[in-house]
N, C-alpha and C. Protein backbone atom coordinates (compact mmCIF):
# COMPACT_ATOMS: atom_id res chain seq x y z
N MET A 1 121.23 80.07 120.88
CA MET A 1 120.11 79.53 120.14
C MET A 1 119.34 80.64 119.44
N THR A 2 118.87 81.65 120.13
CA THR A 2 118.03 82.68 119.53
C THR A 2 118.88 83.66 118.73
N THR A 3 118.45 83.91 117.49
CA THR A 3 119.16 84.89 116.67
C THR A 3 118.35 86.16 116.50
N SER A 4 117.05 86.10 116.86
CA SER A 4 116.19 87.27 116.71
C SER A 4 114.95 87.10 117.58
N VAL A 5 114.43 88.20 118.08
CA VAL A 5 113.15 88.20 118.78
C VAL A 5 112.15 88.90 117.86
N VAL A 6 111.05 88.21 117.57
CA VAL A 6 110.03 88.74 116.69
C VAL A 6 108.80 89.09 117.52
N SER A 7 108.39 90.35 117.49
CA SER A 7 107.15 90.77 118.13
C SER A 7 106.03 90.59 117.12
N ILE A 8 105.05 89.74 117.45
CA ILE A 8 103.96 89.44 116.52
C ILE A 8 102.72 90.22 116.90
N VAL A 9 102.13 90.84 115.89
CA VAL A 9 100.87 91.55 116.06
C VAL A 9 99.84 90.83 115.20
N TYR A 10 98.74 90.37 115.82
CA TYR A 10 97.67 89.73 115.06
C TYR A 10 96.86 90.78 114.32
N VAL A 11 96.59 90.51 113.06
CA VAL A 11 95.85 91.43 112.21
C VAL A 11 94.83 90.64 111.39
N THR A 12 93.82 91.30 110.89
CA THR A 12 92.82 90.64 110.06
C THR A 12 93.30 90.49 108.62
N ASP A 13 94.00 91.50 108.13
CA ASP A 13 94.46 91.53 106.74
C ASP A 13 95.94 91.91 106.75
N ALA A 14 96.81 90.90 106.61
CA ALA A 14 98.26 91.15 106.70
C ALA A 14 98.77 92.15 105.66
N PRO A 15 98.40 92.04 104.37
CA PRO A 15 98.90 93.02 103.41
C PRO A 15 98.47 94.46 103.73
N ALA A 16 97.21 94.64 104.16
CA ALA A 16 96.76 95.99 104.53
C ALA A 16 97.52 96.50 105.74
N ALA A 17 97.72 95.63 106.71
CA ALA A 17 98.48 96.03 107.91
C ALA A 17 99.92 96.36 107.54
N ALA A 18 100.49 95.60 106.60
CA ALA A 18 101.88 95.86 106.18
C ALA A 18 102.00 97.22 105.51
N ARG A 19 101.00 97.59 104.73
CA ARG A 19 101.02 98.94 104.12
C ARG A 19 101.01 100.00 105.22
N PHE A 20 100.15 99.79 106.23
CA PHE A 20 100.07 100.74 107.34
C PHE A 20 101.40 100.83 108.08
N TYR A 21 101.94 99.67 108.50
CA TYR A 21 103.19 99.68 109.25
C TYR A 21 104.37 100.13 108.39
N GLY A 22 104.35 99.77 107.10
CA GLY A 22 105.41 100.22 106.20
C GLY A 22 105.45 101.73 106.11
N ASP A 23 104.27 102.34 105.97
CA ASP A 23 104.19 103.80 105.95
C ASP A 23 104.62 104.38 107.29
N LEU A 24 104.15 103.76 108.36
CA LEU A 24 104.46 104.24 109.71
C LEU A 24 105.95 104.19 110.00
N LEU A 25 106.59 103.09 109.59
CA LEU A 25 108.00 102.88 109.89
C LEU A 25 108.93 103.39 108.79
N GLY A 26 108.36 103.74 107.64
CA GLY A 26 109.19 104.20 106.53
C GLY A 26 110.08 103.10 105.98
N MET A 27 109.55 101.87 105.92
CA MET A 27 110.34 100.75 105.42
C MET A 27 109.46 99.74 104.71
N SER A 28 110.09 98.87 103.96
CA SER A 28 109.40 97.79 103.26
C SER A 28 109.56 96.50 104.04
N PRO A 29 108.62 95.56 103.87
CA PRO A 29 108.74 94.27 104.54
C PRO A 29 110.02 93.54 104.13
N SER A 30 110.52 92.73 105.04
CA SER A 30 111.70 91.92 104.75
C SER A 30 111.32 90.50 104.35
N PHE A 31 110.07 90.10 104.65
CA PHE A 31 109.58 88.75 104.33
C PHE A 31 108.08 88.84 104.17
N GLU A 32 107.53 88.21 103.11
CA GLU A 32 106.09 88.31 102.87
C GLU A 32 105.48 87.00 102.42
N THR A 33 104.37 86.62 103.05
CA THR A 33 103.46 85.59 102.56
C THR A 33 102.08 86.23 102.64
N PRO A 34 101.04 85.60 102.11
CA PRO A 34 99.72 86.22 102.19
C PRO A 34 99.21 86.48 103.62
N GLY A 35 99.64 85.67 104.56
CA GLY A 35 99.12 85.84 105.92
C GLY A 35 100.15 86.21 106.97
N TYR A 36 101.43 86.30 106.57
CA TYR A 36 102.48 86.61 107.54
C TYR A 36 103.53 87.49 106.87
N ILE A 37 103.76 88.66 107.45
CA ILE A 37 104.69 89.64 106.87
C ILE A 37 105.57 90.18 107.99
N THR A 38 106.87 90.28 107.75
CA THR A 38 107.77 90.81 108.78
C THR A 38 108.54 92.03 108.29
N PHE A 39 108.96 92.81 109.27
CA PHE A 39 109.83 93.96 109.06
C PHE A 39 111.08 93.75 109.91
N ASP A 40 112.24 93.93 109.31
CA ASP A 40 113.50 93.85 110.03
C ASP A 40 113.71 95.19 110.72
N LEU A 41 113.67 95.16 112.05
CA LEU A 41 113.80 96.39 112.83
C LEU A 41 115.23 96.69 113.23
N GLY A 42 116.16 95.85 112.82
CA GLY A 42 117.55 96.02 113.18
C GLY A 42 118.09 94.73 113.77
N PRO A 43 119.35 94.72 114.15
CA PRO A 43 119.96 93.49 114.66
C PRO A 43 119.14 92.88 115.80
N GLY A 44 118.67 91.64 115.57
CA GLY A 44 118.00 90.89 116.61
C GLY A 44 116.55 91.25 116.87
N ALA A 45 115.93 92.09 116.04
CA ALA A 45 114.54 92.50 116.31
C ALA A 45 113.73 92.58 115.01
N ASP A 46 112.57 91.94 115.03
CA ASP A 46 111.67 91.98 113.89
C ASP A 46 110.24 92.22 114.38
N LEU A 47 109.42 92.78 113.51
CA LEU A 47 108.00 92.94 113.76
C LEU A 47 107.28 92.03 112.78
N GLY A 48 106.43 91.14 113.31
CA GLY A 48 105.66 90.24 112.47
C GLY A 48 104.18 90.60 112.50
N LEU A 49 103.56 90.64 111.35
CA LEU A 49 102.12 90.86 111.23
C LEU A 49 101.52 89.55 110.76
N TRP A 50 100.59 88.99 111.54
CA TRP A 50 100.09 87.65 111.25
C TRP A 50 98.58 87.60 111.32
N SER A 51 97.98 87.13 110.23
CA SER A 51 96.53 87.02 110.19
C SER A 51 96.02 85.76 110.88
N GLY A 52 96.89 84.79 111.12
CA GLY A 52 96.47 83.54 111.73
C GLY A 52 95.72 82.64 110.78
N GLN A 53 95.65 82.98 109.49
CA GLN A 53 94.84 82.22 108.54
C GLN A 53 95.29 80.77 108.41
N PHE A 54 96.55 80.46 108.70
CA PHE A 54 97.03 79.10 108.56
C PHE A 54 96.67 78.22 109.75
N GLU A 55 96.15 78.83 110.80
CA GLU A 55 95.69 78.07 111.96
C GLU A 55 94.19 78.25 112.14
N ASP A 56 93.52 78.63 111.06
CA ASP A 56 92.06 78.77 111.04
C ASP A 56 91.52 79.71 112.10
N LEU A 57 92.23 80.81 112.37
CA LEU A 57 91.73 81.82 113.29
C LEU A 57 90.88 82.80 112.50
N SER A 58 89.69 83.08 112.96
CA SER A 58 88.83 84.04 112.29
C SER A 58 88.92 85.37 113.03
N PRO A 59 88.48 86.46 112.41
CA PRO A 59 88.56 87.78 113.06
C PRO A 59 87.82 87.86 114.39
N ASP A 60 86.80 87.01 114.60
CA ASP A 60 86.05 87.09 115.85
C ASP A 60 86.69 86.29 116.99
N VAL A 61 87.80 85.57 116.71
CA VAL A 61 88.52 84.86 117.76
C VAL A 61 89.38 85.86 118.51
N PRO A 62 89.27 85.89 119.85
CA PRO A 62 90.12 86.83 120.60
C PRO A 62 91.60 86.61 120.26
N ARG A 63 92.30 87.69 120.07
CA ARG A 63 93.72 87.61 119.72
C ARG A 63 94.56 87.97 120.94
N THR A 64 95.66 87.28 121.07
CA THR A 64 96.62 87.59 122.12
C THR A 64 97.97 87.81 121.47
N SER A 65 98.84 88.45 122.18
CA SER A 65 100.20 88.62 121.66
C SER A 65 101.04 87.44 122.10
N GLU A 66 102.17 87.28 121.45
CA GLU A 66 103.10 86.24 121.84
C GLU A 66 104.50 86.69 121.50
N VAL A 67 105.46 86.12 122.18
CA VAL A 67 106.86 86.35 121.86
C VAL A 67 107.27 85.22 120.92
N CYS A 68 107.95 85.57 119.86
CA CYS A 68 108.41 84.56 118.92
C CYS A 68 109.93 84.55 118.92
N LEU A 69 110.50 83.40 119.21
CA LEU A 69 111.93 83.22 119.14
C LEU A 69 112.25 82.63 117.78
N ALA A 70 112.83 83.44 116.93
CA ALA A 70 113.13 83.03 115.56
C ALA A 70 114.54 82.45 115.51
N ILE A 71 114.63 81.22 115.01
CA ILE A 71 115.92 80.53 115.03
C ILE A 71 116.39 80.18 113.63
N ASP A 72 117.69 80.04 113.48
CA ASP A 72 118.30 79.55 112.25
C ASP A 72 118.41 78.03 112.35
N GLY A 73 118.71 77.37 111.26
CA GLY A 73 119.01 75.95 111.32
C GLY A 73 117.96 75.03 110.75
N GLY A 74 116.81 75.53 110.39
CA GLY A 74 115.80 74.71 109.75
C GLY A 74 115.06 73.78 110.69
N PRO A 75 114.31 72.83 110.11
CA PRO A 75 113.46 71.93 110.90
C PRO A 75 114.21 71.10 111.94
N ASP A 76 115.43 70.65 111.62
CA ASP A 76 116.18 69.85 112.60
C ASP A 76 116.47 70.64 113.86
N GLU A 77 116.87 71.89 113.70
CA GLU A 77 117.16 72.75 114.86
C GLU A 77 115.89 73.02 115.64
N LEU A 78 114.78 73.28 114.93
CA LEU A 78 113.52 73.54 115.61
C LEU A 78 113.06 72.32 116.41
N ASN A 79 113.14 71.13 115.80
CA ASN A 79 112.75 69.92 116.51
C ASN A 79 113.65 69.64 117.70
N ALA A 80 114.94 69.91 117.57
CA ALA A 80 115.87 69.72 118.69
C ALA A 80 115.52 70.68 119.84
N THR A 81 115.18 71.92 119.49
CA THR A 81 114.77 72.89 120.51
C THR A 81 113.50 72.42 121.20
N PHE A 82 112.53 71.94 120.42
CA PHE A 82 111.28 71.42 120.98
C PHE A 82 111.57 70.29 121.98
N GLU A 83 112.37 69.33 121.58
CA GLU A 83 112.68 68.19 122.46
C GLU A 83 113.38 68.65 123.73
N GLN A 84 114.29 69.62 123.60
CA GLN A 84 115.01 70.14 124.77
C GLN A 84 114.03 70.83 125.72
N TRP A 85 113.18 71.69 125.20
CA TRP A 85 112.21 72.39 126.05
C TRP A 85 111.27 71.41 126.72
N LYS A 86 110.80 70.42 125.95
CA LYS A 86 109.87 69.41 126.49
C LYS A 86 110.53 68.63 127.62
N SER A 87 111.78 68.23 127.43
CA SER A 87 112.49 67.47 128.48
C SER A 87 112.80 68.33 129.70
N ASN A 88 112.84 69.65 129.50
CA ASN A 88 113.07 70.57 130.63
C ASN A 88 111.78 70.95 131.34
N GLY A 89 110.65 70.40 130.90
CA GLY A 89 109.39 70.65 131.59
C GLY A 89 108.66 71.90 131.17
N VAL A 90 109.06 72.50 130.05
CA VAL A 90 108.35 73.68 129.56
C VAL A 90 106.95 73.24 129.10
N THR A 91 105.94 74.04 129.42
CA THR A 91 104.57 73.75 129.00
C THR A 91 104.47 73.91 127.49
N ILE A 92 104.07 72.85 126.81
CA ILE A 92 103.92 72.87 125.35
C ILE A 92 102.43 73.02 125.04
N LEU A 93 102.09 74.06 124.30
CA LEU A 93 100.71 74.30 123.91
C LEU A 93 100.37 73.65 122.57
N ARG A 94 101.34 73.59 121.68
CA ARG A 94 101.13 72.94 120.38
C ARG A 94 102.47 72.43 119.88
N GLU A 95 102.50 71.17 119.53
CA GLU A 95 103.73 70.53 119.06
C GLU A 95 104.11 71.06 117.67
N PRO A 96 105.34 70.76 117.21
CA PRO A 96 105.76 71.26 115.90
C PRO A 96 104.76 70.91 114.79
N HIS A 97 104.49 71.91 113.97
CA HIS A 97 103.56 71.77 112.85
C HIS A 97 103.88 72.84 111.82
N ASP A 98 103.44 72.62 110.59
CA ASP A 98 103.65 73.60 109.53
C ASP A 98 102.52 74.62 109.60
N ALA A 99 102.88 75.87 109.81
CA ALA A 99 101.88 76.94 109.93
C ALA A 99 101.88 77.85 108.71
N GLY A 100 102.35 77.38 107.57
CA GLY A 100 102.32 78.18 106.36
C GLY A 100 103.59 78.94 106.10
N PHE A 101 104.30 79.32 107.15
CA PHE A 101 105.56 80.02 107.00
C PHE A 101 106.74 79.14 107.40
N GLY A 102 106.46 77.89 107.73
CA GLY A 102 107.49 76.95 108.14
C GLY A 102 107.08 76.21 109.39
N LEU A 103 107.95 75.32 109.83
CA LEU A 103 107.71 74.52 111.02
C LEU A 103 107.77 75.42 112.26
N THR A 104 106.84 75.23 113.18
CA THR A 104 106.76 76.05 114.38
C THR A 104 106.16 75.24 115.51
N PHE A 105 106.43 75.65 116.75
CA PHE A 105 105.71 75.10 117.89
C PHE A 105 105.42 76.21 118.87
N LEU A 106 104.48 75.93 119.77
CA LEU A 106 104.01 76.94 120.70
C LEU A 106 104.13 76.42 122.12
N ALA A 107 104.69 77.25 122.99
CA ALA A 107 104.88 76.92 124.40
C ALA A 107 104.31 78.05 125.25
N ALA A 108 104.40 77.90 126.56
CA ALA A 108 103.94 78.95 127.47
C ALA A 108 104.97 79.14 128.57
N ASP A 109 105.12 80.38 129.00
CA ASP A 109 105.98 80.65 130.14
C ASP A 109 105.19 80.35 131.43
N PRO A 110 105.80 80.48 132.59
CA PRO A 110 105.09 80.16 133.83
C PRO A 110 103.84 81.00 134.08
N ASP A 111 103.75 82.18 133.46
CA ASP A 111 102.57 83.02 133.61
C ASP A 111 101.51 82.74 132.55
N GLY A 112 101.79 81.81 131.64
CA GLY A 112 100.85 81.48 130.59
C GLY A 112 101.03 82.29 129.32
N ASN A 113 102.02 83.19 129.28
CA ASN A 113 102.29 83.95 128.06
C ASN A 113 102.79 83.01 126.97
N ARG A 114 102.31 83.23 125.75
CA ARG A 114 102.66 82.35 124.65
C ARG A 114 104.06 82.65 124.10
N ILE A 115 104.78 81.58 123.82
CA ILE A 115 106.11 81.67 123.21
C ILE A 115 106.10 80.77 121.99
N ARG A 116 106.32 81.35 120.84
CA ARG A 116 106.39 80.58 119.60
C ARG A 116 107.86 80.45 119.20
N VAL A 117 108.24 79.27 118.75
CA VAL A 117 109.56 79.06 118.15
C VAL A 117 109.31 78.79 116.68
N ALA A 118 109.99 79.53 115.83
CA ALA A 118 109.76 79.46 114.40
C ALA A 118 111.06 79.74 113.66
N PRO A 119 111.09 79.40 112.35
CA PRO A 119 112.29 79.72 111.58
C PRO A 119 112.44 81.20 111.36
N ARG A 120 113.66 81.64 111.32
CA ARG A 120 113.93 83.04 111.00
C ARG A 120 113.63 83.23 109.52
N GLY A 121 112.71 84.15 109.21
CA GLY A 121 112.26 84.33 107.83
C GLY A 121 113.02 85.22 107.02
């Protein structure tokens, strides 16, 4: 199912953060929207910079990290994964919704750590 693990870092200004990380890593983004930018770190690993603007998060909202499982297959695959996780008793924090970069849902592991499932960008 998983084709890539995306480490997401919450930022206030995604383009400014991308310039910083691009300089730091010596690379250009592999995917860009105004609020979400990723860097391909190699096979199976990406770094995502996300302002949260599509979920109405403001800079004063405490930010947490999350693991993002980026999948191929589009909305049908994402919805099938959601239904499978739900039927397996995984804690669902937010059902599938469009977050500006595509359909996504949010779950939690047994320790409460956030797990996002999203399309591979």
